[in-house]
Amino acid sequence: MVRTTLIVFEVLIGAGAVAGGVVALTGAKAVPREWLHRIPFKAYFIPGLVLLVVIGGSMLAAAGLLLAGASVARLVSVEAGIVLLGWISAQLAMIGYRHWLQPLFIVLGLAVVMLSFALPSPG
């Protein structure tokens, strides 16, 4: 049950990150430009690329490794959760609280880390 829950969380987070990354890469027209004033970027392209590749990629890779039963799946899942927590923490530090998804993804990142540690150790 833990493994299945973790896979579902990682797929949903990963898919959301890929979708958000695509939106950012295509200009993030619905996202206020004033959020850029406090960050070191002039456009949403670089943050979008990081969101898509690093967050989305790590979550989807972790889910895939869990599905495949790879011995490194637990470690990659822990790391994906930590990366998500770092991403949201940096986002909050740079632009502040802007959307209810920010605390949700903190909870999901913590859940991914905790569920990953609840998996059996690779043996």
C-alpha atoms as a PDB file:
ATOM      1  CA  MET A   1       0.000   0.000   0.000  1.00  0.00           C
ATOM      2  CA  VAL A   2       2.849   2.416   0.817  1.00  0.00           C
ATOM      3  CA  ARG A   3       4.527   1.707  -2.508  1.00  0.00           C
ATOM      4  CA  THR A   4       1.303   2.240  -4.463  1.00  0.00           C
ATOM      5  CA  THR A   5       0.506   5.490  -2.639  1.00  0.00           C
ATOM      6  CA  LEU A   6       4.034   6.732  -3.257  1.00  0.00           C
ATOM      7  CA  ILE A   7       3.835   5.905  -6.963  1.00  0.00           C
ATOM      8  CA  VAL A   8       0.498   7.733  -7.266  1.00  0.00           C
ATOM      9  CA  PHE A   9       1.877  10.811  -5.481  1.00  0.00           C
ATOM     10  CA  GLU A  10       5.021  10.844  -7.616  1.00  0.00           C
ATOM     11  CA  VAL A  11       3.103  10.469 -10.880  1.00  0.00           C
ATOM     12  CA  LEU A  12       0.659  13.236  -9.946  1.00  0.00           C
ATOM     13  CA  ILE A  13       3.405  15.583  -8.754  1.00  0.00           C
ATOM     14  CA  GLY A  14       5.545  14.762 -11.779  1.00  0.00           C
ATOM     15  CA  ALA A  15       2.700  15.313 -14.234  1.00  0.00           C
ATOM     16  CA  GLY A  16       1.813  18.594 -12.534  1.00  0.00           C
ATOM     17  CA  ALA A  17       5.427  19.750 -12.688  1.00  0.00           C
ATOM     18  CA  VAL A  18       5.700  18.846 -16.367  1.00  0.00           C
ATOM     19  CA  ALA A  19       2.453  20.716 -17.113  1.00  0.00           C
ATOM     20  CA  GLY A  20       3.574  23.740 -15.078  1.00  0.00           C
ATOM     21  CA  GLY A  21       6.953  23.665 -16.769  1.00  0.00           C
ATOM     22  CA  VAL A  22       5.360  23.658 -20.205  1.00  0.00           C
ATOM     23  CA  VAL A  23       3.177  26.623 -19.221  1.00  0.00           C
ATOM     24  CA  ALA A  24       6.255  28.510 -18.002  1.00  0.00           C
ATOM     25  CA  LEU A  25       8.298  27.614 -21.093  1.00  0.00           C
ATOM     26  CA  THR A  26       5.547  28.972 -23.311  1.00  0.00           C
ATOM     27  CA  GLY A  27       5.473  32.339 -21.535  1.00  0.00           C
ATOM     28  CA  ALA A  28       3.288  31.802 -18.443  1.00  0.00           C
ATOM     29  CA  LYS A  29       0.826  34.371 -19.709  1.00  0.00           C
ATOM     30  CA  ALA A  30      -1.540  33.931 -16.743  1.00  0.00           C
ATOM     31  CA  VAL A  31       1.244  34.390 -14.166  1.00  0.00           C
ATOM     32  CA  PRO A  32       1.829  37.975 -12.998  1.00  0.00           C
ATOM     33  CA  ARG A  33       5.084  39.486 -14.299  1.00  0.00           C
ATOM     34  CA  GLU A  34       5.648  41.340 -11.026  1.00  0.00           C
ATOM     35  CA  TRP A  35       6.635  38.015  -9.435  1.00  0.00           C
ATOM     36  CA  LEU A  36       9.794  38.214 -11.543  1.00  0.00           C
ATOM     37  CA  HIS A  37      10.967  41.420  -9.841  1.00  0.00           C
ATOM     38  CA  ARG A  38      12.238  39.559  -6.768  1.00  0.00           C
ATOM     39  CA  ILE A  39      13.933  36.681  -8.583  1.00  0.00           C
ATOM     40  CA  PRO A  40      17.121  36.573 -10.676  1.00  0.00           C
ATOM     41  CA  PHE A  41      15.250  35.810 -13.908  1.00  0.00           C
ATOM     42  CA  LYS A  42      13.688  38.161 -16.454  1.00  0.00           C
ATOM     43  CA  ALA A  43      11.246  35.519 -17.733  1.00  0.00           C
ATOM     44  CA  TYR A  44       9.726  32.251 -16.581  1.00  0.00           C
ATOM     45  CA  PHE A  45      11.713  30.148 -19.060  1.00  0.00           C
ATOM     46  CA  ILE A  46      14.551  29.016 -16.740  1.00  0.00           C
ATOM     47  CA  PRO A  47      12.302  28.318 -13.723  1.00  0.00           C
ATOM     48  CA  GLY A  48       9.950  26.479 -16.088  1.00  0.00           C
ATOM     49  CA  LEU A  49      12.787  24.380 -17.452  1.00  0.00           C
ATOM     50  CA  VAL A  50      13.883  23.475 -13.912  1.00  0.00           C
ATOM     51  CA  LEU A  51      10.296  22.670 -12.937  1.00  0.00           C
ATOM     52  CA  LEU A  52       9.802  20.440 -15.964  1.00  0.00           C
ATOM     53  CA  VAL A  53      13.166  18.642 -15.986  1.00  0.00           C
ATOM     54  CA  VAL A  54      14.282  18.568 -12.356  1.00  0.00           C
ATOM     55  CA  ILE A  55      11.023  18.358 -10.428  1.00  0.00           C
ATOM     56  CA  GLY A  56       8.912  16.573 -13.033  1.00  0.00           C
ATOM     57  CA  GLY A  57      11.776  14.389 -14.189  1.00  0.00           C
ATOM     58  CA  SER A  58      12.856  13.294 -10.716  1.00  0.00           C
ATOM     59  CA  MET A  59       9.308  12.467  -9.628  1.00  0.00           C
ATOM     60  CA  LEU A  60       8.485  10.517 -12.780  1.00  0.00           C
ATOM     61  CA  ALA A  61      11.846   8.733 -12.666  1.00  0.00           C
ATOM     62  CA  ALA A  62      11.219   7.772  -9.041  1.00  0.00           C
ATOM     63  CA  ALA A  63       7.759   6.431  -9.901  1.00  0.00           C
ATOM     64  CA  GLY A  64       9.167   4.485 -12.849  1.00  0.00           C
ATOM     65  CA  LEU A  65      11.916   2.973 -10.742  1.00  0.00           C
ATOM     66  CA  LEU A  66       9.395   1.953  -8.100  1.00  0.00           C
ATOM     67  CA  LEU A  67       7.232   0.335 -10.765  1.00  0.00           C
ATOM     68  CA  ALA A  68      10.264  -1.500 -12.129  1.00  0.00           C
ATOM     69  CA  GLY A  69      11.313  -2.661  -8.672  1.00  0.00           C
ATOM     70  CA  ALA A  70      14.767  -1.121  -9.046  1.00  0.00           C
ATOM     71  CA  SER A  71      17.065  -1.305  -6.038  1.00  0.00           C
ATOM     72  CA  VAL A  72      17.681   2.465  -6.189  1.00  0.00           C
ATOM     73  CA  ALA A  73      13.967   3.344  -6.231  1.00  0.00           C
ATOM     74  CA  ARG A  74      13.783   4.151  -2.527  1.00  0.00           C
ATOM     75  CA  LEU A  75      16.809   6.461  -2.691  1.00  0.00           C
ATOM     76  CA  VAL A  76      15.571   8.243  -5.824  1.00  0.00           C
ATOM     77  CA  SER A  77      12.140   8.718  -4.220  1.00  0.00           C
ATOM     78  CA  VAL A  78      13.679  10.277  -1.106  1.00  0.00           C
ATOM     79  CA  GLU A  79      15.794  12.555  -3.273  1.00  0.00           C
ATOM     80  CA  ALA A  80      12.807  13.559  -5.447  1.00  0.00           C
ATOM     81  CA  GLY A  81      10.879  14.537  -2.313  1.00  0.00           C
ATOM     82  CA  ILE A  82      13.808  16.564  -0.995  1.00  0.00           C
ATOM     83  CA  VAL A  83      14.220  18.289  -4.370  1.00  0.00           C
ATOM     84  CA  LEU A  84      10.523  19.227  -4.348  1.00  0.00           C
ATOM     85  CA  LEU A  85      10.830  20.608  -0.818  1.00  0.00           C
ATOM     86  CA  GLY A  86      13.871  22.638  -1.881  1.00  0.00           C
ATOM     87  CA  TRP A  87      12.028  23.975  -4.936  1.00  0.00           C
ATOM     88  CA  ILE A  88       9.007  25.116  -2.924  1.00  0.00           C
ATOM     89  CA  SER A  89      11.200  26.543  -0.146  1.00  0.00           C
ATOM     90  CA  ALA A  90      13.199  28.568  -2.685  1.00  0.00           C
ATOM     91  CA  GLN A  91       9.979  29.691  -4.345  1.00  0.00           C
ATOM     92  CA  LEU A  92       8.526  30.852  -1.041  1.00  0.00           C
ATOM     93  CA  ALA A  93      11.766  32.644  -0.145  1.00  0.00           C
ATOM     94  CA  MET A  94      11.922  34.440  -3.500  1.00  0.00           C
ATOM     95  CA  ILE A  95       8.310  35.312  -4.288  1.00  0.00           C
ATOM     96  CA  GLY A  96       6.483  34.602  -1.029  1.00  0.00           C
ATOM     97  CA  TYR A  97       3.169  32.847  -0.610  1.00  0.00           C
ATOM     98  CA  ARG A  98       1.185  33.213  -3.837  1.00  0.00           C
ATOM     99  CA  HIS A  99      -1.061  30.159  -4.202  1.00  0.00           C
ATOM    100  CA  TRP A 100      -2.645  27.364  -2.176  1.00  0.00           C
ATOM    101  CA  LEU A 101      -0.620  24.854  -4.205  1.00  0.00           C
ATOM    102  CA  GLN A 102       2.581  25.932  -2.426  1.00  0.00           C
ATOM    103  CA  PRO A 103       1.635  24.523   1.008  1.00  0.00           C
ATOM    104  CA  LEU A 104       0.014  21.523  -0.694  1.00  0.00           C
ATOM    105  CA  PHE A 105       3.300  20.680  -2.412  1.00  0.00           C
ATOM    106  CA  ILE A 106       5.179  21.073   0.878  1.00  0.00           C
ATOM    107  CA  VAL A 107       2.846  18.466   2.380  1.00  0.00           C
ATOM    108  CA  LEU A 108       3.226  16.233  -0.682  1.00  0.00           C
ATOM    109  CA  GLY A 109       7.021  16.579  -0.617  1.00  0.00           C
ATOM    110  CA  LEU A 110       7.081  15.598   3.051  1.00  0.00           C
ATOM    111  CA  ALA A 111       4.749  12.696   2.294  1.00  0.00           C
ATOM    112  CA  VAL A 112       7.024  11.465  -0.499  1.00  0.00           C
ATOM    113  CA  VAL A 113      10.046  11.555   1.811  1.00  0.00           C
ATOM    114  CA  MET A 114       8.250   9.828   4.678  1.00  0.00           C
ATOM    115  CA  LEU A 115       6.644   7.191   2.466  1.00  0.00           C
ATOM    116  CA  SER A 116      10.016   6.542   0.837  1.00  0.00           C
ATOM    117  CA  PHE A 117      11.554   5.820   4.218  1.00  0.00           C
ATOM    118  CA  ALA A 118       8.626   3.520   4.979  1.00  0.00           C
ATOM    119  CA  LEU A 119       9.523   1.320   2.006  1.00  0.00           C
ATOM    120  CA  PRO A 120      11.570  -1.796   2.735  1.00  0.00           C
ATOM    121  CA  SER A 121      15.302  -1.293   2.438  1.00  0.00           C
ATOM    122  CA  PRO A 122      16.764  -2.661  -0.788  1.00  0.00           C
ATOM    123  CA  GLY A 123      18.292  -5.947  -0.081  1.00  0.00           C
END
